[in-house]
Amino acid sequence: MATKSEINQFFESFERLILKIQEVDSSCVAMSQDITKQGLSIVGFVGDNGQVIMRDIAIHFDIPFSTATGIIDRLVELNYVNRFNSTEDRRIVLVELTGKGKDLHDLFGTKKVELGHLVLNQLNKEERQNFIGLLNKVKQGVAKPL
């Protein structure tokens, strides 16, 4: 069982990292001047995965399908994504990035790489591998409800 001191140390370090991640998000949002952080996250997800199904967006972000639809509607209006029906099954709605969306995805990717270097370059190769492995283990644990 973790001690109170360990928990405090964890939160101090983790909150600092979260603030840096939010700084990356905020700088991309500020540069685009028309997108929300949630919209930016969806642009990142679509850009990382290519053409995606609307249902996959809702599942990945753990949001209702109607919420995903509303966000995608806004991103279509802002010309970050295109939405269309599958030619194989018209019930399936696909989403892909536009040129503007790809530009934002590239900017977001560059900022993430900068932060990744800032964090991971503090560690040697073995420490990086251990750190990433531990984060993956923690990610699986926090997927469970509190």
N, C-alpha and C. Protein backbone atom coordinates (compact mmCIF):
# COMPACT_ATOMS: atom_id res chain seq x y z
N MET A 1 0.86 -1.18 0.00
CA MET A 1 0.00 0.00 0.00
C MET A 1 0.90 1.24 0.00
N ALA A 2 0.59 2.19 -0.86
CA ALA A 2 1.39 3.42 -0.96
C ALA A 2 1.22 4.27 0.30
N THR A 3 2.32 4.91 0.70
CA THR A 3 2.28 5.78 1.87
C THR A 3 1.79 7.17 1.46
N LYS A 4 1.40 7.96 2.44
CA LYS A 4 0.94 9.32 2.17
C LYS A 4 2.07 10.14 1.54
N SER A 5 3.30 9.94 2.00
CA SER A 5 4.44 10.65 1.45
C SER A 5 4.65 10.29 -0.03
N GLU A 6 4.54 9.01 -0.36
CA GLU A 6 4.68 8.57 -1.75
C GLU A 6 3.58 9.15 -2.62
N ILE A 7 2.38 9.17 -2.10
CA ILE A 7 1.25 9.74 -2.85
C ILE A 7 1.48 11.22 -3.09
N ASN A 8 1.94 11.94 -2.09
CA ASN A 8 2.22 13.38 -2.25
C ASN A 8 3.33 13.61 -3.28
N GLN A 9 4.38 12.81 -3.24
CA GLN A 9 5.47 12.93 -4.22
C GLN A 9 4.96 12.63 -5.62
N PHE A 10 4.14 11.60 -5.74
CA PHE A 10 3.56 11.25 -7.02
C PHE A 10 2.75 12.42 -7.58
N PHE A 11 1.86 12.99 -6.76
CA PHE A 11 1.00 14.07 -7.25
C PHE A 11 1.81 15.31 -7.60
N GLU A 12 2.83 15.61 -6.85
CA GLU A 12 3.66 16.77 -7.15
C GLU A 12 4.29 16.62 -8.54
N SER A 13 4.87 15.46 -8.82
CA SER A 13 5.51 15.22 -10.11
C SER A 13 4.48 15.11 -11.23
N PHE A 14 3.41 14.36 -10.98
CA PHE A 14 2.42 14.11 -12.02
C PHE A 14 1.67 15.39 -12.38
N GLU A 15 1.35 16.21 -11.39
CA GLU A 15 0.65 17.47 -11.68
C GLU A 15 1.53 18.38 -12.53
N ARG A 16 2.84 18.37 -12.28
CA ARG A 16 3.77 19.18 -13.09
C ARG A 16 3.75 18.70 -14.54
N LEU A 17 3.74 17.39 -14.73
CA LEU A 17 3.69 16.83 -16.07
C LEU A 17 2.36 17.17 -16.75
N ILE A 18 1.28 17.07 -16.02
CA ILE A 18 -0.03 17.42 -16.58
C ILE A 18 -0.05 18.88 -17.02
N LEU A 19 0.53 19.77 -16.23
CA LEU A 19 0.58 21.19 -16.59
C LEU A 19 1.35 21.38 -17.90
N LYS A 20 2.43 20.63 -18.10
CA LYS A 20 3.19 20.74 -19.35
C LYS A 20 2.36 20.21 -20.53
N ILE A 21 1.63 19.13 -20.31
CA ILE A 21 0.78 18.59 -21.37
C ILE A 21 -0.31 19.61 -21.71
N GLN A 22 -0.90 20.23 -20.70
CA GLN A 22 -1.92 21.25 -20.95
C GLN A 22 -1.33 22.46 -21.68
N GLU A 23 -0.07 22.76 -21.40
CA GLU A 23 0.61 23.86 -22.09
C GLU A 23 0.72 23.55 -23.59
N VAL A 24 1.04 22.32 -23.93
CA VAL A 24 1.11 21.91 -25.34
C VAL A 24 -0.27 22.06 -25.98
N ASP A 25 -1.30 21.53 -25.31
CA ASP A 25 -2.67 21.64 -25.84
C ASP A 25 -3.06 23.11 -26.03
N SER A 26 -2.80 23.91 -25.01
CA SER A 26 -3.20 25.33 -25.04
C SER A 26 -2.48 26.08 -26.15
N SER A 27 -1.20 25.78 -26.38
CA SER A 27 -0.48 26.49 -27.44
C SER A 27 -1.05 26.15 -28.81
N CYS A 28 -1.44 24.90 -29.02
CA CYS A 28 -2.06 24.50 -30.30
C CYS A 28 -3.44 25.13 -30.46
N VAL A 29 -4.20 25.16 -29.38
CA VAL A 29 -5.52 25.78 -29.42
C VAL A 29 -5.38 27.28 -29.71
N ALA A 30 -4.42 27.93 -29.06
CA ALA A 30 -4.20 29.37 -29.26
C ALA A 30 -3.76 29.66 -30.70
N MET A 31 -2.90 28.81 -31.25
CA MET A 31 -2.43 29.03 -32.62
C MET A 31 -3.55 28.86 -33.63
N SER A 32 -4.44 27.90 -33.39
CA SER A 32 -5.53 27.68 -34.33
C SER A 32 -6.63 28.72 -34.16
N GLN A 33 -6.82 29.20 -32.95
CA GLN A 33 -7.77 30.25 -32.58
C GLN A 33 -9.24 29.88 -32.78
N ASP A 34 -9.53 28.65 -33.15
CA ASP A 34 -10.94 28.33 -33.36
C ASP A 34 -11.33 26.93 -32.90
N ILE A 35 -10.44 26.24 -32.22
CA ILE A 35 -10.71 24.86 -31.83
C ILE A 35 -10.64 24.72 -30.32
N THR A 36 -11.40 23.77 -29.78
CA THR A 36 -11.34 23.48 -28.35
C THR A 36 -10.30 22.40 -28.10
N LYS A 37 -9.94 22.21 -26.84
CA LYS A 37 -9.00 21.14 -26.49
C LYS A 37 -9.57 19.78 -26.86
N GLN A 38 -10.88 19.60 -26.65
CA GLN A 38 -11.51 18.33 -27.00
C GLN A 38 -11.47 18.11 -28.52
N GLY A 39 -11.71 19.17 -29.26
CA GLY A 39 -11.62 19.09 -30.72
C GLY A 39 -10.20 18.76 -31.16
N LEU A 40 -9.22 19.38 -30.50
CA LEU A 40 -7.82 19.11 -30.81
C LEU A 40 -7.48 17.65 -30.55
N SER A 41 -7.98 17.11 -29.45
CA SER A 41 -7.74 15.70 -29.14
C SER A 41 -8.32 14.80 -30.22
N ILE A 42 -9.49 15.14 -30.70
CA ILE A 42 -10.12 14.33 -31.76
C ILE A 42 -9.34 14.46 -33.06
N VAL A 43 -8.88 15.66 -33.39
CA VAL A 43 -8.03 15.83 -34.58
C VAL A 43 -6.78 14.97 -34.44
N GLY A 44 -6.20 14.94 -33.24
CA GLY A 44 -5.03 14.09 -33.00
C GLY A 44 -5.35 12.62 -33.20
N PHE A 45 -6.48 12.17 -32.67
CA PHE A 45 -6.88 10.77 -32.79
C PHE A 45 -7.12 10.40 -34.25
N VAL A 46 -7.86 11.23 -34.97
CA VAL A 46 -8.16 10.94 -36.37
C VAL A 46 -6.86 10.97 -37.19
N GLY A 47 -6.01 11.95 -36.92
CA GLY A 47 -4.75 12.04 -37.65
C GLY A 47 -3.84 10.85 -37.40
N ASP A 48 -3.85 10.35 -36.18
CA ASP A 48 -3.02 9.19 -35.85
C ASP A 48 -3.55 7.89 -36.46
N ASN A 49 -4.87 7.84 -36.71
CA ASN A 49 -5.49 6.59 -37.15
C ASN A 49 -6.01 6.63 -38.58
N GLY A 50 -5.90 7.75 -39.27
CA GLY A 50 -6.42 7.85 -40.63
C GLY A 50 -7.94 7.94 -40.61
N GLN A 51 -8.59 7.32 -41.55
CA GLN A 51 -10.05 7.30 -41.57
C GLN A 51 -10.56 6.51 -40.37
N VAL A 52 -11.46 7.12 -39.60
CA VAL A 52 -12.01 6.43 -38.43
C VAL A 52 -13.52 6.44 -38.48
N ILE A 53 -14.09 5.49 -37.77
CA ILE A 53 -15.55 5.39 -37.65
C ILE A 53 -15.98 6.25 -36.47
N MET A 54 -17.09 6.95 -36.61
CA MET A 54 -17.60 7.81 -35.54
C MET A 54 -17.70 7.05 -34.22
N ARG A 55 -18.16 5.83 -34.27
CA ARG A 55 -18.31 5.03 -33.06
C ARG A 55 -16.97 4.87 -32.34
N ASP A 56 -15.88 4.72 -33.11
CA ASP A 56 -14.56 4.57 -32.50
C ASP A 56 -14.13 5.84 -31.76
N ILE A 57 -14.52 6.99 -32.27
CA ILE A 57 -14.22 8.26 -31.59
C ILE A 57 -14.94 8.28 -30.25
N ALA A 58 -16.22 7.95 -30.26
CA ALA A 58 -17.00 7.95 -29.01
C ALA A 58 -16.42 6.96 -28.00
N ILE A 59 -16.04 5.79 -28.47
CA ILE A 59 -15.48 4.78 -27.57
C ILE A 59 -14.12 5.22 -27.03
N HIS A 60 -13.25 5.71 -27.89
CA HIS A 60 -11.91 6.10 -27.47
C HIS A 60 -11.95 7.21 -26.41
N PHE A 61 -12.83 8.18 -26.60
CA PHE A 61 -12.90 9.31 -25.67
C PHE A 61 -13.93 9.10 -24.56
N ASP A 62 -14.57 7.94 -24.57
CA ASP A 62 -15.55 7.59 -23.55
C ASP A 62 -16.62 8.67 -23.41
N ILE A 63 -17.18 9.04 -24.57
CA ILE A 63 -18.24 10.05 -24.62
C ILE A 63 -19.43 9.46 -25.36
N PRO A 64 -20.63 9.98 -25.09
CA PRO A 64 -21.80 9.50 -25.82
C PRO A 64 -21.66 9.77 -27.32
N PHE A 65 -22.28 8.92 -28.11
CA PHE A 65 -22.23 9.08 -29.56
C PHE A 65 -22.75 10.46 -29.97
N SER A 66 -23.79 10.93 -29.29
CA SER A 66 -24.35 12.25 -29.62
C SER A 66 -23.35 13.37 -29.36
N THR A 67 -22.54 13.24 -28.31
CA THR A 67 -21.51 14.24 -28.02
C THR A 67 -20.44 14.21 -29.10
N ALA A 68 -20.01 13.01 -29.49
CA ALA A 68 -19.03 12.88 -30.56
C ALA A 68 -19.56 13.50 -31.85
N THR A 69 -20.83 13.28 -32.13
CA THR A 69 -21.44 13.84 -33.34
C THR A 69 -21.42 15.36 -33.29
N GLY A 70 -21.74 15.94 -32.15
CA GLY A 70 -21.72 17.40 -32.01
C GLY A 70 -20.33 17.98 -32.21
N ILE A 71 -19.33 17.33 -31.65
CA ILE A 71 -17.95 17.81 -31.81
C ILE A 71 -17.52 17.69 -33.27
N ILE A 72 -17.85 16.57 -33.89
CA ILE A 72 -17.49 16.38 -35.31
C ILE A 72 -18.22 17.40 -36.18
N ASP A 73 -19.49 17.69 -35.87
CA ASP A 73 -20.22 18.73 -36.62
C ASP A 73 -19.43 20.04 -36.60
N ARG A 74 -18.95 20.41 -35.44
CA ARG A 74 -18.19 21.66 -35.29
C ARG A 74 -16.87 21.59 -36.06
N LEU A 75 -16.18 20.45 -36.00
CA LEU A 75 -14.92 20.31 -36.72
C LEU A 75 -15.13 20.31 -38.23
N VAL A 76 -16.29 19.81 -38.69
CA VAL A 76 -16.62 19.88 -40.12
C VAL A 76 -16.83 21.35 -40.51
N GLU A 77 -17.59 22.10 -39.67
CA GLU A 77 -17.83 23.52 -39.94
C GLU A 77 -16.52 24.31 -40.02
N LEU A 78 -15.56 23.94 -39.17
CA LEU A 78 -14.28 24.63 -39.12
C LEU A 78 -13.28 24.11 -40.16
N ASN A 79 -13.71 23.11 -40.94
CA ASN A 79 -12.92 22.52 -42.01
C ASN A 79 -11.68 21.77 -41.51
N TYR A 80 -11.78 21.14 -40.33
CA TYR A 80 -10.69 20.29 -39.84
C TYR A 80 -10.89 18.83 -40.26
N VAL A 81 -12.15 18.42 -40.43
CA VAL A 81 -12.44 17.04 -40.81
C VAL A 81 -13.54 17.01 -41.86
N ASN A 82 -13.56 15.91 -42.60
CA ASN A 82 -14.67 15.58 -43.49
C ASN A 82 -15.38 14.38 -42.88
N ARG A 83 -16.69 14.36 -43.04
CA ARG A 83 -17.50 13.23 -42.56
C ARG A 83 -18.30 12.72 -43.74
N PHE A 84 -18.36 11.39 -43.87
CA PHE A 84 -19.11 10.81 -44.99
C PHE A 84 -19.52 9.39 -44.63
N ASN A 85 -20.49 8.87 -45.36
CA ASN A 85 -20.96 7.51 -45.13
C ASN A 85 -20.09 6.52 -45.89
N SER A 86 -19.93 5.35 -45.30
CA SER A 86 -19.19 4.27 -45.95
C SER A 86 -19.93 3.84 -47.21
N THR A 87 -19.17 3.52 -48.24
CA THR A 87 -19.80 3.04 -49.47
C THR A 87 -20.31 1.62 -49.30
N GLU A 88 -19.73 0.89 -48.33
CA GLU A 88 -20.14 -0.49 -48.09
C GLU A 88 -21.37 -0.61 -47.20
N ASP A 89 -21.50 0.32 -46.26
CA ASP A 89 -22.63 0.29 -45.32
C ASP A 89 -22.96 1.73 -44.95
N ARG A 90 -24.04 2.26 -45.49
CA ARG A 90 -24.39 3.67 -45.31
C ARG A 90 -24.65 4.04 -43.86
N ARG A 91 -24.85 3.05 -42.99
CA ARG A 91 -25.06 3.35 -41.57
C ARG A 91 -23.75 3.74 -40.88
N ILE A 92 -22.63 3.37 -41.49
CA ILE A 92 -21.32 3.66 -40.90
C ILE A 92 -20.86 5.04 -41.36
N VAL A 93 -20.55 5.90 -40.37
CA VAL A 93 -20.09 7.25 -40.66
C VAL A 93 -18.58 7.30 -40.44
N LEU A 94 -17.86 7.72 -41.47
CA LEU A 94 -16.41 7.81 -41.42
C LEU A 94 -15.97 9.26 -41.27
N VAL A 95 -14.83 9.46 -40.65
CA VAL A 95 -14.27 10.80 -40.44
C VAL A 95 -12.80 10.75 -40.86
N GLU A 96 -12.36 11.79 -41.58
CA GLU A 96 -10.95 11.92 -41.94
C GLU A 96 -10.56 13.40 -41.90
N LEU A 97 -9.26 13.66 -41.77
CA LEU A 97 -8.78 15.03 -41.71
C LEU A 97 -8.79 15.69 -43.08
N THR A 98 -9.03 17.00 -43.07
CA THR A 98 -8.86 17.82 -44.28
C THR A 98 -7.40 18.29 -44.29
N GLY A 99 -7.05 19.09 -45.29
CA GLY A 99 -5.71 19.67 -45.31
C GLY A 99 -5.46 20.53 -44.08
N LYS A 100 -6.44 21.32 -43.69
CA LYS A 100 -6.31 22.16 -42.49
C LYS A 100 -6.16 21.29 -41.26
N GLY A 101 -6.90 20.20 -41.20
CA GLY A 101 -6.80 19.27 -40.07
C GLY A 101 -5.43 18.62 -40.02
N LYS A 102 -4.88 18.26 -41.19
CA LYS A 102 -3.55 17.66 -41.24
C LYS A 102 -2.49 18.65 -40.76
N ASP A 103 -2.65 19.92 -41.13
CA ASP A 103 -1.70 20.94 -40.66
C ASP A 103 -1.73 21.05 -39.14
N LEU A 104 -2.93 21.06 -38.57
CA LEU A 104 -3.05 21.14 -37.11
C LEU A 104 -2.50 19.87 -36.46
N HIS A 105 -2.78 18.73 -37.04
CA HIS A 105 -2.25 17.46 -36.52
C HIS A 105 -0.72 17.48 -36.53
N ASP A 106 -0.13 18.00 -37.60
CA ASP A 106 1.34 18.09 -37.69
C ASP A 106 1.89 19.02 -36.60
N LEU A 107 1.23 20.16 -36.39
CA LEU A 107 1.66 21.09 -35.34
C LEU A 107 1.57 20.43 -33.97
N PHE A 108 0.45 19.77 -33.72
CA PHE A 108 0.23 19.08 -32.44
C PHE A 108 1.29 17.99 -32.25
N GLY A 109 1.58 17.26 -33.31
CA GLY A 109 2.60 16.21 -33.25
C GLY A 109 3.97 16.79 -32.93
N THR A 110 4.31 17.91 -33.54
CA THR A 110 5.59 18.57 -33.28
C THR A 110 5.70 18.99 -31.83
N LYS A 111 4.63 19.56 -31.30
CA LYS A 111 4.62 20.00 -29.89
C LYS A 111 4.73 18.80 -28.95
N LYS A 112 4.06 17.70 -29.29
CA LYS A 112 4.15 16.49 -28.45
C LYS A 112 5.58 15.93 -28.47
N VAL A 113 6.21 15.96 -29.62
CA VAL A 113 7.59 15.48 -29.72
C VAL A 113 8.52 16.36 -28.87
N GLU A 114 8.32 17.67 -28.93
CA GLU A 114 9.14 18.58 -28.11
C GLU A 114 8.99 18.25 -26.63
N LEU A 115 7.76 18.04 -26.18
CA LEU A 115 7.53 17.70 -24.78
C LEU A 115 8.09 16.31 -24.46
N GLY A 116 7.93 15.38 -25.38
CA GLY A 116 8.48 14.05 -25.18
C GLY A 116 9.99 14.09 -24.98
N HIS A 117 10.67 14.89 -25.80
CA HIS A 117 12.11 15.05 -25.63
C HIS A 117 12.44 15.68 -24.28
N LEU A 118 11.69 16.71 -23.91
CA LEU A 118 11.92 17.39 -22.63
C LEU A 118 11.81 16.42 -21.46
N VAL A 119 10.82 15.55 -21.49
CA VAL A 119 10.60 14.60 -20.40
C VAL A 119 11.57 13.43 -20.48
N LEU A 120 11.62 12.78 -21.63
CA LEU A 120 12.37 11.52 -21.73
C LEU A 120 13.88 11.70 -21.80
N ASN A 121 14.35 12.85 -22.24
CA ASN A 121 15.79 13.07 -22.30
C ASN A 121 16.42 13.24 -20.92
N GLN A 122 15.61 13.29 -19.88
CA GLN A 122 16.12 13.32 -18.51
C GLN A 122 16.57 11.93 -18.07
N LEU A 123 16.19 10.93 -18.86
CA LEU A 123 16.42 9.54 -18.49
C LEU A 123 17.36 8.87 -19.47
N ASN A 124 18.10 7.86 -19.00
CA ASN A 124 18.90 7.08 -19.93
C ASN A 124 17.97 6.06 -20.61
N LYS A 125 18.51 5.31 -21.57
CA LYS A 125 17.68 4.40 -22.38
C LYS A 125 16.93 3.39 -21.51
N GLU A 126 17.63 2.77 -20.56
CA GLU A 126 16.98 1.78 -19.70
C GLU A 126 15.89 2.42 -18.84
N GLU A 127 16.16 3.61 -18.30
CA GLU A 127 15.16 4.32 -17.49
C GLU A 127 13.94 4.69 -18.33
N ARG A 128 14.18 5.11 -19.59
CA ARG A 128 13.05 5.45 -20.48
C ARG A 128 12.17 4.23 -20.71
N GLN A 129 12.80 3.09 -21.00
CA GLN A 129 12.03 1.87 -21.24
C GLN A 129 11.24 1.48 -19.99
N ASN A 130 11.86 1.57 -18.83
CA ASN A 130 11.17 1.25 -17.58
C ASN A 130 10.03 2.23 -17.32
N PHE A 131 10.29 3.51 -17.53
CA PHE A 131 9.29 4.56 -17.30
C PHE A 131 8.06 4.33 -18.18
N ILE A 132 8.31 4.09 -19.46
CA ILE A 132 7.20 3.87 -20.40
C ILE A 132 6.44 2.60 -20.03
N GLY A 133 7.17 1.55 -19.65
CA GLY A 133 6.51 0.31 -19.22
C GLY A 133 5.66 0.53 -17.99
N LEU A 134 6.19 1.29 -17.04
CA LEU A 134 5.42 1.59 -15.82
C LEU A 134 4.18 2.43 -16.13
N LEU A 135 4.33 3.41 -17.01
CA LEU A 135 3.16 4.23 -17.39
C LEU A 135 2.09 3.38 -18.06
N ASN A 136 2.50 2.45 -18.91
CA ASN A 136 1.53 1.55 -19.54
C ASN A 136 0.83 0.68 -18.51
N LYS A 137 1.57 0.22 -17.52
CA LYS A 137 0.97 -0.58 -16.45
C LYS A 137 -0.04 0.25 -15.65
N VAL A 138 0.33 1.48 -15.35
CA VAL A 138 -0.57 2.37 -14.61
C VAL A 138 -1.81 2.69 -15.45
N LYS A 139 -1.60 2.91 -16.76
CA LYS A 139 -2.72 3.22 -17.66
C LYS A 139 -3.77 2.11 -17.60
N GLN A 140 -3.32 0.87 -17.60
CA GLN A 140 -4.25 -0.25 -17.53
C GLN A 140 -5.01 -0.27 -16.20
N GLY A 141 -4.30 0.07 -15.12
CA GLY A 141 -4.94 0.08 -13.81
C GLY A 141 -5.98 1.18 -13.64
N VAL A 142 -5.71 2.35 -14.23
CA VAL A 142 -6.65 3.45 -14.05
C VAL A 142 -7.82 3.38 -15.03
N ALA A 143 -7.80 2.40 -15.93
CA ALA A 143 -8.94 2.22 -16.82
C ALA A 143 -10.16 1.73 -16.05
N LYS A 144 -9.91 1.20 -14.85
CA LYS A 144 -11.00 0.71 -14.01
C LYS A 144 -11.67 1.90 -13.32
N PRO A 145 -12.96 1.84 -13.09
CA PRO A 145 -13.65 2.93 -12.37
C PRO A 145 -13.17 3.04 -10.92
N LEU A 146 -13.22 4.26 -10.40
CA LEU A 146 -12.84 4.47 -8.98
C LEU A 146 -13.84 3.85 -8.04
